[in-house]
């Protein structure tokens, strides 16, 4: 059995529809979906703001690399083009954390590094993650700590830049 935390984001085209396509595509694998947040782009490339959310997923047939491949298929279906690192995108699906058979997955594979090596630096990942899993823990450099502790260490401006929206994705992909 595999459980994963997926960070989803979009800043091109119908951003909300792109996020909805992930929830719809994952179907019954979805355990929980965070509220949707608006965030400034990360990485220094000039572009529009993102809509971001976290999706908790579970599937007894999936491993960590299966989540990655499935996320990449969803990105391709949304017309994702990889031209500029940290550039604008129709859809981004990142595997942030994964556990298989109750054990946290660790990977230094360049294609899939787990836990995600920058998650602890990104309020747009941590804030929605806490919405759906308040007791979540994240390991960084061999040290596991509550996600809320990693978030508390971020600059106040980084945390303040994650703005709630009126959008809420349900497990059925509808918007409230």
N, C-alpha and C. Protein backbone atom coordinates (compact mmCIF):
# COMPACT_ATOMS: atom_id res chain seq x y z
N UNK A 1 0.84 -1.17 0.00
CA UNK A 1 0.00 0.00 0.00
C UNK A 1 0.88 1.24 0.00
N UNK A 2 0.49 2.24 -0.78
CA UNK A 2 1.25 3.46 -0.91
C UNK A 2 0.35 4.66 -0.63
N UNK A 3 0.88 5.58 0.14
CA UNK A 3 0.18 6.84 0.42
C UNK A 3 1.16 7.94 0.05
N UNK A 4 0.65 8.99 -0.59
CA UNK A 4 1.53 10.07 -1.03
C UNK A 4 0.89 11.43 -0.81
N UNK A 5 1.75 12.43 -0.74
CA UNK A 5 1.36 13.82 -0.68
C UNK A 5 1.79 14.43 -2.01
N UNK A 6 0.81 14.93 -2.78
CA UNK A 6 1.09 15.55 -4.07
C UNK A 6 0.82 17.04 -3.97
N UNK A 7 1.78 17.84 -4.40
CA UNK A 7 1.61 19.28 -4.48
C UNK A 7 1.24 19.59 -5.92
N UNK A 8 0.12 20.30 -6.11
CA UNK A 8 -0.33 20.63 -7.46
C UNK A 8 -0.41 22.14 -7.62
N UNK A 9 -0.04 22.61 -8.81
CA UNK A 9 -0.07 24.04 -9.05
C UNK A 9 -0.25 24.34 -10.52
N UNK A 10 -0.77 25.53 -10.80
CA UNK A 10 -0.99 25.98 -12.17
C UNK A 10 -0.96 27.49 -12.22
N UNK A 11 -0.32 28.05 -13.28
CA UNK A 11 -0.39 29.50 -13.48
C UNK A 11 -0.56 29.87 -14.95
N UNK A 12 -0.97 28.92 -15.77
CA UNK A 12 -1.26 29.19 -17.18
C UNK A 12 -2.62 28.63 -17.55
N UNK A 13 -3.34 29.36 -18.37
CA UNK A 13 -4.64 28.87 -18.85
C UNK A 13 -5.67 28.89 -17.74
N UNK A 14 -6.60 27.94 -17.80
CA UNK A 14 -7.64 27.83 -16.78
C UNK A 14 -7.05 27.10 -15.58
N UNK A 15 -6.43 27.87 -14.70
CA UNK A 15 -5.67 27.31 -13.58
C UNK A 15 -6.52 26.38 -12.72
N UNK A 16 -7.72 26.79 -12.40
CA UNK A 16 -8.59 25.97 -11.56
C UNK A 16 -8.98 24.68 -12.27
N UNK A 17 -9.26 24.74 -13.55
CA UNK A 17 -9.60 23.53 -14.31
C UNK A 17 -8.42 22.56 -14.34
N UNK A 18 -7.21 23.09 -14.40
CA UNK A 18 -6.04 22.21 -14.39
C UNK A 18 -5.92 21.49 -13.04
N UNK A 19 -6.15 22.22 -11.95
CA UNK A 19 -6.11 21.57 -10.63
C UNK A 19 -7.23 20.54 -10.52
N UNK A 20 -8.39 20.90 -11.01
CA UNK A 20 -9.53 19.99 -10.97
C UNK A 20 -9.23 18.70 -11.76
N UNK A 21 -8.48 18.83 -12.86
CA UNK A 21 -8.16 17.65 -13.67
C UNK A 21 -7.32 16.64 -12.89
N UNK A 22 -6.52 17.12 -11.96
CA UNK A 22 -5.73 16.20 -11.14
C UNK A 22 -6.65 15.42 -10.20
N UNK A 23 -7.52 16.13 -9.51
CA UNK A 23 -8.42 15.48 -8.57
C UNK A 23 -9.33 14.50 -9.31
N UNK A 24 -9.85 14.92 -10.46
CA UNK A 24 -10.69 14.04 -11.26
C UNK A 24 -9.90 12.82 -11.75
N UNK A 25 -8.68 13.06 -12.23
CA UNK A 25 -7.85 11.98 -12.76
C UNK A 25 -7.47 10.96 -11.71
N UNK A 26 -7.27 11.41 -10.48
CA UNK A 26 -6.91 10.50 -9.39
C UNK A 26 -8.11 9.73 -8.88
N UNK A 27 -9.30 10.26 -9.04
CA UNK A 27 -10.53 9.56 -8.69
C UNK A 27 -10.56 9.05 -7.26
N UNK A 28 -10.84 7.75 -7.13
CA UNK A 28 -10.98 7.12 -5.81
C UNK A 28 -9.68 7.05 -5.02
N UNK A 29 -8.57 7.37 -5.64
CA UNK A 29 -7.28 7.36 -4.92
C UNK A 29 -7.17 8.55 -3.97
N UNK A 30 -8.01 9.57 -4.17
CA UNK A 30 -7.94 10.79 -3.36
C UNK A 30 -8.48 10.52 -1.96
N UNK A 31 -7.66 10.85 -0.98
CA UNK A 31 -8.04 10.74 0.43
C UNK A 31 -8.52 12.09 0.94
N UNK A 32 -7.82 13.16 0.56
CA UNK A 32 -8.17 14.51 1.01
C UNK A 32 -7.57 15.53 0.04
N UNK A 33 -8.23 16.68 -0.06
CA UNK A 33 -7.77 17.77 -0.91
C UNK A 33 -7.80 19.05 -0.08
N UNK A 34 -6.72 19.79 -0.11
CA UNK A 34 -6.66 21.04 0.64
C UNK A 34 -7.48 22.13 -0.05
N UNK A 35 -7.71 23.22 0.66
CA UNK A 35 -8.23 24.41 -0.02
C UNK A 35 -7.21 24.87 -1.07
N UNK A 36 -7.65 25.72 -1.97
CA UNK A 36 -6.79 26.26 -3.02
C UNK A 36 -6.23 27.60 -2.56
N UNK A 37 -4.94 27.80 -2.78
CA UNK A 37 -4.25 29.03 -2.41
C UNK A 37 -3.70 29.72 -3.64
N UNK A 38 -3.57 31.03 -3.56
CA UNK A 38 -2.90 31.81 -4.59
C UNK A 38 -1.52 32.17 -4.05
N UNK A 39 -0.51 31.97 -4.88
CA UNK A 39 0.86 32.24 -4.43
C UNK A 39 1.67 32.87 -5.55
N UNK A 40 2.62 33.69 -5.16
CA UNK A 40 3.56 34.26 -6.12
C UNK A 40 4.45 33.14 -6.65
N UNK A 41 4.97 33.29 -7.85
CA UNK A 41 5.86 32.26 -8.39
C UNK A 41 7.13 32.14 -7.55
N UNK A 42 7.67 30.94 -7.54
CA UNK A 42 8.86 30.63 -6.76
C UNK A 42 10.00 30.36 -7.74
N UNK A 43 11.18 30.88 -7.50
CA UNK A 43 12.31 30.55 -8.35
C UNK A 43 12.84 31.70 -9.18
N UNK A 44 12.23 32.88 -9.10
CA UNK A 44 12.81 34.06 -9.73
C UNK A 44 12.49 34.29 -11.20
N UNK A 45 11.63 33.48 -11.80
CA UNK A 45 11.24 33.68 -13.20
C UNK A 45 9.97 34.53 -13.22
N UNK A 46 9.98 35.62 -14.01
CA UNK A 46 8.82 36.50 -14.12
C UNK A 46 7.65 35.74 -14.73
N UNK A 47 6.51 35.71 -14.01
CA UNK A 47 5.33 34.99 -14.47
C UNK A 47 4.15 35.32 -13.57
N UNK A 48 2.96 34.87 -13.97
CA UNK A 48 1.75 35.10 -13.19
C UNK A 48 1.73 34.25 -11.93
N UNK A 49 0.85 34.63 -10.99
CA UNK A 49 0.69 33.87 -9.75
C UNK A 49 0.11 32.49 -10.01
N UNK A 50 0.36 31.61 -9.07
CA UNK A 50 -0.11 30.23 -9.14
C UNK A 50 -1.35 30.02 -8.29
N UNK A 51 -2.11 29.03 -8.65
CA UNK A 51 -3.06 28.41 -7.74
C UNK A 51 -2.38 27.11 -7.30
N UNK A 52 -2.39 26.85 -6.00
CA UNK A 52 -1.74 25.66 -5.43
C UNK A 52 -2.67 24.94 -4.48
N UNK A 53 -2.48 23.63 -4.38
CA UNK A 53 -3.21 22.81 -3.41
C UNK A 53 -2.38 21.56 -3.13
N UNK A 54 -2.79 20.84 -2.12
CA UNK A 54 -2.19 19.54 -1.78
C UNK A 54 -3.28 18.48 -1.90
N UNK A 55 -2.89 17.33 -2.46
CA UNK A 55 -3.79 16.19 -2.57
C UNK A 55 -3.13 15.01 -1.87
N UNK A 56 -3.83 14.44 -0.89
CA UNK A 56 -3.38 13.20 -0.26
C UNK A 56 -4.01 12.05 -1.02
N UNK A 57 -3.17 11.08 -1.40
CA UNK A 57 -3.65 9.97 -2.21
C UNK A 57 -3.20 8.65 -1.61
N UNK A 58 -3.93 7.59 -1.98
CA UNK A 58 -3.65 6.26 -1.44
C UNK A 58 -4.04 5.24 -2.51
N UNK A 59 -3.17 4.27 -2.76
CA UNK A 59 -3.48 3.20 -3.69
C UNK A 59 -2.60 2.00 -3.37
N UNK A 60 -3.21 0.84 -3.11
CA UNK A 60 -2.42 -0.34 -2.78
C UNK A 60 -1.56 -0.83 -3.94
N UNK A 61 -1.86 -0.41 -5.15
CA UNK A 61 -1.12 -0.87 -6.33
C UNK A 61 0.02 0.06 -6.72
N UNK A 62 0.10 1.24 -6.11
CA UNK A 62 1.08 2.25 -6.51
C UNK A 62 2.29 2.29 -5.59
N UNK A 63 3.44 2.55 -6.19
CA UNK A 63 4.66 2.88 -5.45
C UNK A 63 5.01 4.32 -5.75
N UNK A 64 6.09 4.80 -5.20
CA UNK A 64 6.48 6.20 -5.35
C UNK A 64 6.64 6.60 -6.82
N UNK A 65 7.31 5.77 -7.60
CA UNK A 65 7.52 6.11 -9.01
C UNK A 65 6.21 6.07 -9.80
N UNK A 66 5.24 5.27 -9.35
CA UNK A 66 3.93 5.26 -10.01
C UNK A 66 3.23 6.61 -9.84
N UNK A 67 3.35 7.20 -8.65
CA UNK A 67 2.76 8.52 -8.42
C UNK A 67 3.41 9.55 -9.33
N UNK A 68 4.74 9.46 -9.47
CA UNK A 68 5.46 10.38 -10.35
C UNK A 68 4.98 10.23 -11.79
N UNK A 69 4.94 9.01 -12.29
CA UNK A 69 4.51 8.78 -13.67
C UNK A 69 3.07 9.24 -13.90
N UNK A 70 2.19 8.96 -12.94
CA UNK A 70 0.80 9.36 -13.08
C UNK A 70 0.69 10.89 -13.11
N UNK A 71 1.44 11.55 -12.22
CA UNK A 71 1.46 13.01 -12.21
C UNK A 71 1.97 13.58 -13.53
N UNK A 72 2.99 12.97 -14.11
CA UNK A 72 3.52 13.42 -15.39
C UNK A 72 2.51 13.23 -16.51
N UNK A 73 1.74 12.15 -16.45
CA UNK A 73 0.68 11.93 -17.45
C UNK A 73 -0.38 13.03 -17.34
N UNK A 74 -0.73 13.40 -16.12
CA UNK A 74 -1.71 14.47 -15.91
C UNK A 74 -1.16 15.81 -16.43
N UNK A 75 0.13 16.06 -16.19
CA UNK A 75 0.76 17.27 -16.70
C UNK A 75 0.72 17.31 -18.23
N UNK A 76 1.05 16.19 -18.85
CA UNK A 76 1.03 16.13 -20.32
C UNK A 76 -0.37 16.35 -20.87
N UNK A 77 -1.37 15.77 -20.21
CA UNK A 77 -2.75 15.95 -20.64
C UNK A 77 -3.17 17.41 -20.55
N UNK A 78 -2.55 18.16 -19.64
CA UNK A 78 -2.86 19.59 -19.48
C UNK A 78 -1.99 20.46 -20.38
N UNK A 79 -1.17 19.84 -21.23
CA UNK A 79 -0.34 20.61 -22.15
C UNK A 79 0.92 21.18 -21.54
N UNK A 80 1.43 20.57 -20.48
CA UNK A 80 2.64 21.05 -19.81
C UNK A 80 3.83 20.98 -20.77
N UNK A 81 4.58 22.08 -20.83
CA UNK A 81 5.80 22.15 -21.61
C UNK A 81 6.93 22.52 -20.66
N UNK A 82 8.02 21.77 -20.71
CA UNK A 82 9.17 22.03 -19.83
C UNK A 82 10.26 22.74 -20.63
N UNK A 83 10.24 24.08 -20.56
CA UNK A 83 11.24 24.85 -21.30
C UNK A 83 12.16 25.62 -20.37
N UNK A 84 11.60 26.22 -19.31
CA UNK A 84 12.37 27.05 -18.39
C UNK A 84 12.20 26.50 -16.99
N UNK A 85 13.34 26.23 -16.31
CA UNK A 85 13.26 25.74 -14.93
C UNK A 85 12.54 26.77 -14.08
N UNK A 86 11.57 26.30 -13.31
CA UNK A 86 10.73 27.13 -12.45
C UNK A 86 9.90 28.12 -13.25
N UNK A 87 9.70 27.84 -14.53
CA UNK A 87 8.92 28.73 -15.38
C UNK A 87 7.43 28.46 -15.26
N UNK A 88 6.66 29.26 -16.00
CA UNK A 88 5.21 29.13 -16.00
C UNK A 88 4.81 27.75 -16.51
N UNK A 89 3.67 27.27 -16.01
CA UNK A 89 3.20 25.95 -16.43
C UNK A 89 1.70 25.82 -16.28
N UNK A 90 1.14 25.03 -17.19
CA UNK A 90 -0.28 24.75 -17.10
C UNK A 90 -0.58 23.92 -15.87
N UNK A 91 0.33 22.97 -15.59
CA UNK A 91 0.11 22.09 -14.45
C UNK A 91 1.44 21.55 -13.95
N UNK A 92 1.60 21.54 -12.65
CA UNK A 92 2.76 20.94 -12.00
C UNK A 92 2.24 19.99 -10.94
N UNK A 93 2.70 18.76 -10.99
CA UNK A 93 2.33 17.76 -9.99
C UNK A 93 3.62 17.22 -9.40
N UNK A 94 3.90 17.54 -8.15
CA UNK A 94 5.11 17.07 -7.48
C UNK A 94 4.76 16.06 -6.40
N UNK A 95 5.53 14.98 -6.35
CA UNK A 95 5.43 14.03 -5.25
C UNK A 95 6.31 14.60 -4.13
N UNK A 96 5.67 15.01 -3.04
CA UNK A 96 6.37 15.66 -1.93
C UNK A 96 6.85 14.62 -0.91
N UNK A 97 6.01 13.63 -0.68
CA UNK A 97 6.26 12.64 0.38
C UNK A 97 5.51 11.38 -0.01
N UNK A 98 6.06 10.23 0.35
CA UNK A 98 5.40 8.97 0.05
C UNK A 98 5.78 7.95 1.11
N UNK A 99 4.84 7.07 1.42
CA UNK A 99 5.11 5.94 2.31
C UNK A 99 4.56 4.69 1.65
N UNK A 100 5.32 3.62 1.72
CA UNK A 100 4.90 2.33 1.20
C UNK A 100 4.87 1.34 2.36
N UNK A 101 3.73 0.69 2.52
CA UNK A 101 3.53 -0.27 3.60
C UNK A 101 3.90 0.34 4.95
N UNK A 102 3.55 1.61 5.14
CA UNK A 102 3.75 2.30 6.41
C UNK A 102 5.13 2.89 6.63
N UNK A 103 6.08 2.62 5.73
CA UNK A 103 7.44 3.15 5.89
C UNK A 103 7.65 4.32 4.92
N UNK A 104 8.18 5.41 5.45
CA UNK A 104 8.44 6.59 4.62
C UNK A 104 9.47 6.24 3.55
N UNK A 105 9.18 6.62 2.32
CA UNK A 105 10.08 6.36 1.20
C UNK A 105 11.20 7.38 1.17
N UNK A 106 12.39 6.88 0.91
CA UNK A 106 13.56 7.74 0.71
C UNK A 106 14.14 7.39 -0.65
N UNK A 107 14.45 8.42 -1.43
CA UNK A 107 15.02 8.20 -2.75
C UNK A 107 15.91 9.37 -3.10
N UNK A 108 17.11 9.06 -3.62
CA UNK A 108 17.97 10.12 -4.14
C UNK A 108 18.11 9.98 -5.65
N UNK A 109 17.16 9.27 -6.25
CA UNK A 109 17.09 9.16 -7.70
C UNK A 109 16.87 10.56 -8.27
N UNK A 110 17.68 11.00 -9.24
CA UNK A 110 17.51 12.35 -9.80
C UNK A 110 16.11 12.57 -10.39
N UNK A 111 15.44 11.51 -10.80
CA UNK A 111 14.09 11.64 -11.35
C UNK A 111 13.05 11.86 -10.25
N UNK A 112 13.29 11.29 -9.07
CA UNK A 112 12.35 11.41 -7.96
C UNK A 112 13.12 11.36 -6.64
N UNK A 113 13.35 12.54 -6.08
CA UNK A 113 14.01 12.64 -4.78
C UNK A 113 12.93 12.73 -3.72
N UNK A 114 13.00 11.82 -2.76
CA UNK A 114 12.01 11.77 -1.67
C UNK A 114 12.69 11.67 -0.33
N UNK A 115 12.10 12.34 0.66
CA UNK A 115 11.09 13.38 0.54
C UNK A 115 11.60 14.51 -0.36
N UNK A 116 10.66 15.28 -0.91
CA UNK A 116 11.01 16.36 -1.83
C UNK A 116 12.05 17.26 -1.16
N UNK A 117 13.18 17.50 -1.81
CA UNK A 117 14.28 18.21 -1.15
C UNK A 117 14.03 19.68 -0.83
N UNK A 118 13.02 20.29 -1.43
CA UNK A 118 12.75 21.71 -1.15
C UNK A 118 11.42 21.95 -0.45
N UNK A 119 10.67 20.91 -0.16
CA UNK A 119 9.34 21.08 0.44
C UNK A 119 9.38 21.91 1.71
N UNK A 120 10.39 21.71 2.54
CA UNK A 120 10.46 22.42 3.82
C UNK A 120 10.72 23.91 3.65
N UNK A 121 11.10 24.34 2.45
CA UNK A 121 11.36 25.76 2.16
C UNK A 121 10.19 26.45 1.48
N UNK A 122 9.12 25.74 1.24
CA UNK A 122 8.03 26.26 0.42
C UNK A 122 6.73 26.32 1.20
N UNK A 123 6.38 27.52 1.60
CA UNK A 123 5.13 27.70 2.34
C UNK A 123 3.93 27.26 1.52
N UNK A 124 3.99 27.39 0.19
CA UNK A 124 2.86 26.99 -0.65
C UNK A 124 2.65 25.48 -0.65
N UNK A 125 3.61 24.73 -0.15
CA UNK A 125 3.45 23.28 0.06
C UNK A 125 3.02 23.01 1.50
N UNK A 126 3.70 23.63 2.45
CA UNK A 126 3.48 23.32 3.86
C UNK A 126 2.11 23.76 4.38
N UNK A 127 1.68 24.94 4.00
CA UNK A 127 0.40 25.46 4.52
C UNK A 127 -0.77 24.58 4.09
N UNK A 128 -0.94 24.28 2.79
CA UNK A 128 -2.06 23.40 2.42
C UNK A 128 -1.90 21.98 2.94
N UNK A 129 -0.66 21.51 3.10
CA UNK A 129 -0.44 20.18 3.65
C UNK A 129 -0.99 20.11 5.07
N UNK A 130 -0.74 21.14 5.85
CA UNK A 130 -1.25 21.16 7.22
C UNK A 130 -2.78 21.22 7.26
N UNK A 131 -3.40 21.81 6.23
CA UNK A 131 -4.86 21.84 6.17
C UNK A 131 -5.46 20.44 6.14
N UNK A 132 -4.78 19.52 5.45
CA UNK A 132 -5.34 18.17 5.27
C UNK A 132 -4.69 17.13 6.18
N UNK A 133 -3.55 17.47 6.77
CA UNK A 133 -2.85 16.53 7.65
C UNK A 133 -2.11 17.32 8.74
N UNK A 134 -2.86 17.81 9.74
CA UNK A 134 -2.29 18.70 10.75
C UNK A 134 -1.12 18.11 11.54
N UNK A 135 -1.03 16.79 11.62
CA UNK A 135 0.06 16.16 12.37
C UNK A 135 1.18 15.64 11.46
N UNK A 136 1.21 16.10 10.22
CA UNK A 136 2.20 15.61 9.25
C UNK A 136 3.62 15.89 9.73
N UNK A 137 4.51 14.96 9.35
CA UNK A 137 5.94 15.13 9.62
C UNK A 137 6.68 15.06 8.30
N UNK A 138 7.81 15.76 8.25
CA UNK A 138 8.65 15.78 7.06
C UNK A 138 10.09 15.62 7.50
N UNK A 139 10.79 14.73 6.84
CA UNK A 139 12.20 14.50 7.13
C UNK A 139 13.06 15.32 6.18
N UNK A 140 14.02 16.03 6.75
CA UNK A 140 14.99 16.80 5.99
C UNK A 140 16.37 16.47 6.53
N UNK A 141 17.26 16.02 5.66
CA UNK A 141 18.63 15.67 6.04
C UNK A 141 18.67 14.75 7.26
N UNK A 142 17.78 13.76 7.27
CA UNK A 142 17.78 12.75 8.33
C UNK A 142 17.04 13.16 9.59
N UNK A 143 16.47 14.37 9.62
CA UNK A 143 15.75 14.83 10.79
C UNK A 143 14.27 14.97 10.46
N UNK A 144 13.43 14.17 11.14
CA UNK A 144 11.98 14.26 10.96
C UNK A 144 11.41 15.21 12.00
N UNK A 145 10.62 16.17 11.51
CA UNK A 145 9.98 17.14 12.40
C UNK A 145 8.57 17.39 11.90
N UNK A 146 7.71 17.88 12.78
CA UNK A 146 6.37 18.26 12.32
C UNK A 146 6.45 19.32 11.23
N UNK A 147 5.58 19.21 10.24
CA UNK A 147 5.51 20.18 9.16
C UNK A 147 5.29 21.58 9.72
N UNK A 148 4.48 21.69 10.77
CA UNK A 148 4.21 23.02 11.35
C UNK A 148 5.50 23.67 11.88
N UNK A 149 6.48 22.85 12.33
CA UNK A 149 7.75 23.41 12.80
C UNK A 149 8.59 23.93 11.63
N UNK A 150 8.60 23.17 10.52
CA UNK A 150 9.32 23.65 9.33
C UNK A 150 8.69 24.97 8.86
N UNK A 151 7.37 25.02 8.86
CA UNK A 151 6.67 26.23 8.42
C UNK A 151 7.00 27.42 9.32
N UNK A 152 7.04 27.20 10.62
CA UNK A 152 7.31 28.28 11.56
C UNK A 152 8.70 28.90 11.34
N UNK A 153 9.62 28.13 10.77
CA UNK A 153 10.97 28.64 10.55
C UNK A 153 11.11 29.46 9.28
N UNK A 154 10.10 29.43 8.43
CA UNK A 154 10.16 30.22 7.20
C UNK A 154 9.95 31.69 7.49
N UNK A 155 10.50 32.51 6.63
CA UNK A 155 10.33 33.95 6.73
C UNK A 155 8.84 34.29 6.74
N UNK A 156 8.47 35.27 7.55
CA UNK A 156 7.06 35.66 7.67
C UNK A 156 6.48 36.08 6.32
N UNK A 157 7.28 36.73 5.48
CA UNK A 157 6.80 37.16 4.16
C UNK A 157 6.49 35.95 3.28
N UNK A 158 7.28 34.89 3.40
CA UNK A 158 7.03 33.67 2.64
C UNK A 158 5.69 33.07 3.05
N UNK A 159 5.43 33.01 4.34
CA UNK A 159 4.16 32.47 4.83
C UNK A 159 2.99 33.36 4.44
N UNK A 160 3.18 34.68 4.54
CA UNK A 160 2.10 35.62 4.23
C UNK A 160 1.76 35.64 2.74
N UNK A 161 2.67 35.16 1.90
CA UNK A 161 2.44 35.15 0.46
C UNK A 161 1.56 34.01 -0.02
N UNK A 162 1.14 33.15 0.88
CA UNK A 162 0.25 32.03 0.53
C UNK A 162 -1.16 32.47 0.94
N UNK A 163 -1.92 32.90 -0.07
CA UNK A 163 -3.20 33.54 0.18
C UNK A 163 -4.37 32.61 -0.09
N UNK A 164 -5.28 32.47 0.88
CA UNK A 164 -6.44 31.61 0.64
C UNK A 164 -7.31 32.19 -0.48
N UNK A 165 -7.93 31.31 -1.23
CA UNK A 165 -8.87 31.74 -2.28
C UNK A 165 -10.26 31.27 -1.87
N UNK A 166 -11.23 31.62 -2.68
CA UNK A 166 -12.59 31.15 -2.43
C UNK A 166 -12.79 29.74 -2.98
N UNK A 167 -11.81 29.20 -3.68
CA UNK A 167 -11.94 27.90 -4.32
C UNK A 167 -11.64 26.75 -3.36
N UNK A 168 -12.48 25.72 -3.40
CA UNK A 168 -12.23 24.51 -2.63
C UNK A 168 -12.48 23.34 -3.57
N UNK A 169 -11.47 22.54 -3.79
CA UNK A 169 -11.63 21.35 -4.62
C UNK A 169 -12.13 20.22 -3.75
N UNK A 170 -13.19 19.57 -4.15
CA UNK A 170 -13.67 18.42 -3.39
C UNK A 170 -13.03 17.16 -3.96
N UNK A 171 -13.18 16.07 -3.26
CA UNK A 171 -12.66 14.80 -3.74
C UNK A 171 -13.32 14.38 -5.04
N UNK A 172 -14.46 14.95 -5.38
CA UNK A 172 -15.14 14.66 -6.64
C UNK A 172 -14.71 15.63 -7.72
N UNK A 173 -13.85 16.62 -7.36
CA UNK A 173 -13.37 17.57 -8.34
C UNK A 173 -14.26 18.78 -8.55
N UNK A 174 -15.37 18.85 -7.84
CA UNK A 174 -16.24 20.01 -7.98
C UNK A 174 -15.70 21.14 -7.12
N UNK A 175 -16.12 22.33 -7.40
CA UNK A 175 -15.66 23.49 -6.67
C UNK A 175 -16.81 24.05 -5.85
N UNK A 176 -16.51 24.35 -4.61
CA UNK A 176 -17.52 24.95 -3.73
C UNK A 176 -17.34 26.45 -3.74
